[in-house]
């Protein structure tokens, strides 16, 4: 299942939604040469028996889920 990412570090537009992965600390978006974007679970590297590298989407529950810190924007001086 693929996702389309915006420019920079903006959240990806997911079709279908990736569920918990979209807000997980362990998600890495991987783009292939054709422009499709996939959700890679970085926990799969250390624990491949517990976490699939590319989980089936949408993910509704995951024992390894950790919320990613919300993006912050720099305040303008003054």
C-alpha atoms as a PDB file:
ATOM      1  CA  UNK A   1       0.000   0.000   0.000  1.00  0.00           C
ATOM      2  CA  UNK A   2       1.469   3.295  -0.955  1.00  0.00           C
ATOM      3  CA  UNK A   3       1.510   6.811   0.422  1.00  0.00           C
ATOM      4  CA  UNK A   4       2.320  10.119  -1.141  1.00  0.00           C
ATOM      5  CA  UNK A   5       4.609  12.442   0.787  1.00  0.00           C
ATOM      6  CA  UNK A   6       4.646  16.215   0.619  1.00  0.00           C
ATOM      7  CA  UNK A   7       7.784  18.300   0.396  1.00  0.00           C
ATOM      8  CA  UNK A   8      10.132  18.513   3.353  1.00  0.00           C
ATOM      9  CA  UNK A   9       9.137  16.837   6.593  1.00  0.00           C
ATOM     10  CA  UNK A  10       5.399  17.360   6.251  1.00  0.00           C
ATOM     11  CA  UNK A  11       3.212  14.385   7.197  1.00  0.00           C
ATOM     12  CA  UNK A  12       2.502  12.069   4.289  1.00  0.00           C
ATOM     13  CA  UNK A  13      -0.882  11.917   2.625  1.00  0.00           C
ATOM     14  CA  UNK A  14      -1.787   8.293   3.088  1.00  0.00           C
ATOM     15  CA  UNK A  15      -4.139   6.319   0.874  1.00  0.00           C
ATOM     16  CA  UNK A  16      -5.462   4.341   2.678  1.00  0.00           C
ATOM     17  CA  UNK A  17      -4.606   5.867   6.055  1.00  0.00           C
ATOM     18  CA  UNK A  18      -1.707   4.104   7.806  1.00  0.00           C
ATOM     19  CA  UNK A  19      -3.375   4.330  11.223  1.00  0.00           C
ATOM     20  CA  UNK A  20      -1.001   4.412  14.183  1.00  0.00           C
ATOM     21  CA  UNK A  21       2.072   4.398  11.951  1.00  0.00           C
ATOM     22  CA  UNK A  22       1.422   8.003  10.894  1.00  0.00           C
ATOM     23  CA  UNK A  23       2.115   9.247  14.418  1.00  0.00           C
ATOM     24  CA  UNK A  24       4.670   6.614  15.505  1.00  0.00           C
ATOM     25  CA  UNK A  25       8.253   7.417  16.443  1.00  0.00           C
ATOM     26  CA  UNK A  26       9.438   4.266  14.640  1.00  0.00           C
ATOM     27  CA  UNK A  27       7.899   5.003  11.227  1.00  0.00           C
ATOM     28  CA  UNK A  28      10.217   5.800   8.335  1.00  0.00           C
ATOM     29  CA  UNK A  29       8.758   6.764   4.975  1.00  0.00           C
ATOM     30  CA  UNK A  30      10.603   5.072   2.113  1.00  0.00           C
ATOM     31  CA  UNK A  31      10.200   6.269  -1.483  1.00  0.00           C
ATOM     32  CA  UNK A  32      10.890   3.909  -4.366  1.00  0.00           C
ATOM     33  CA  UNK A  33      12.186   4.885  -7.816  1.00  0.00           C
ATOM     34  CA  UNK A  34       8.630   5.103  -9.173  1.00  0.00           C
ATOM     35  CA  UNK A  35       7.597   7.702  -6.592  1.00  0.00           C
ATOM     36  CA  UNK A  36       5.501   5.479  -4.313  1.00  0.00           C
ATOM     37  CA  UNK A  37       6.034   5.927  -0.586  1.00  0.00           C
ATOM     38  CA  UNK A  38       5.885   3.056   1.911  1.00  0.00           C
ATOM     39  CA  UNK A  39       5.748   2.970   5.702  1.00  0.00           C
ATOM     40  CA  UNK A  40       8.772   1.129   7.141  1.00  0.00           C
ATOM     41  CA  UNK A  41       8.748   0.080  10.808  1.00  0.00           C
ATOM     42  CA  UNK A  42      12.260   0.674  12.200  1.00  0.00           C
ATOM     43  CA  UNK A  43      11.503  -1.637  15.156  1.00  0.00           C
ATOM     44  CA  UNK A  44      11.590  -4.515  12.654  1.00  0.00           C
ATOM     45  CA  UNK A  45      15.386  -4.187  12.443  1.00  0.00           C
ATOM     46  CA  UNK A  46      15.924  -5.102  16.120  1.00  0.00           C
ATOM     47  CA  UNK A  47      12.903  -7.394  16.520  1.00  0.00           C
ATOM     48  CA  UNK A  48      11.936  -8.875  13.132  1.00  0.00           C
ATOM     49  CA  UNK A  49       9.857 -11.650  14.728  1.00  0.00           C
ATOM     50  CA  UNK A  50       7.618  -9.116  16.514  1.00  0.00           C
ATOM     51  CA  UNK A  51       7.376  -6.274  14.002  1.00  0.00           C
ATOM     52  CA  UNK A  52       6.951  -6.624  10.221  1.00  0.00           C
ATOM     53  CA  UNK A  53       9.214  -4.399   8.134  1.00  0.00           C
ATOM     54  CA  UNK A  54       6.250  -3.095   6.113  1.00  0.00           C
ATOM     55  CA  UNK A  55       3.089  -3.682   8.191  1.00  0.00           C
ATOM     56  CA  UNK A  56      -0.327  -4.143   6.603  1.00  0.00           C
ATOM     57  CA  UNK A  57      -2.192  -0.866   6.636  1.00  0.00           C
ATOM     58  CA  UNK A  58      -4.062   0.571   8.404  1.00  0.00           C
ATOM     59  CA  UNK A  59      -2.428  -0.371  11.712  1.00  0.00           C
ATOM     60  CA  UNK A  60      -5.051  -0.178  14.493  1.00  0.00           C
ATOM     61  CA  UNK A  61      -2.896  -1.529  17.335  1.00  0.00           C
ATOM     62  CA  UNK A  62       0.801  -2.202  17.893  1.00  0.00           C
ATOM     63  CA  UNK A  63       2.722  -3.234  21.033  1.00  0.00           C
ATOM     64  CA  UNK A  64       5.739  -1.193  19.884  1.00  0.00           C
ATOM     65  CA  UNK A  65       3.873   2.048  19.234  1.00  0.00           C
ATOM     66  CA  UNK A  66       5.459   5.203  20.670  1.00  0.00           C
ATOM     67  CA  UNK A  67       3.944   8.573  19.849  1.00  0.00           C
ATOM     68  CA  UNK A  68       6.221  10.854  17.862  1.00  0.00           C
ATOM     69  CA  UNK A  69       6.753  14.313  19.386  1.00  0.00           C
ATOM     70  CA  UNK A  70       4.674  16.922  17.562  1.00  0.00           C
ATOM     71  CA  UNK A  71       6.589  19.119  15.121  1.00  0.00           C
ATOM     72  CA  UNK A  72       7.347  22.557  16.486  1.00  0.00           C
ATOM     73  CA  UNK A  73       7.786  25.762  14.585  1.00  0.00           C
ATOM     74  CA  UNK A  74      10.246  28.476  15.524  1.00  0.00           C
ATOM     75  CA  UNK A  75       8.637  31.586  16.995  1.00  0.00           C
ATOM     76  CA  UNK A  76       9.324  34.876  15.275  1.00  0.00           C
ATOM     77  CA  UNK A  77      11.523  37.197  17.349  1.00  0.00           C
ATOM     78  CA  UNK A  78       9.970  40.278  18.766  1.00  0.00           C
END
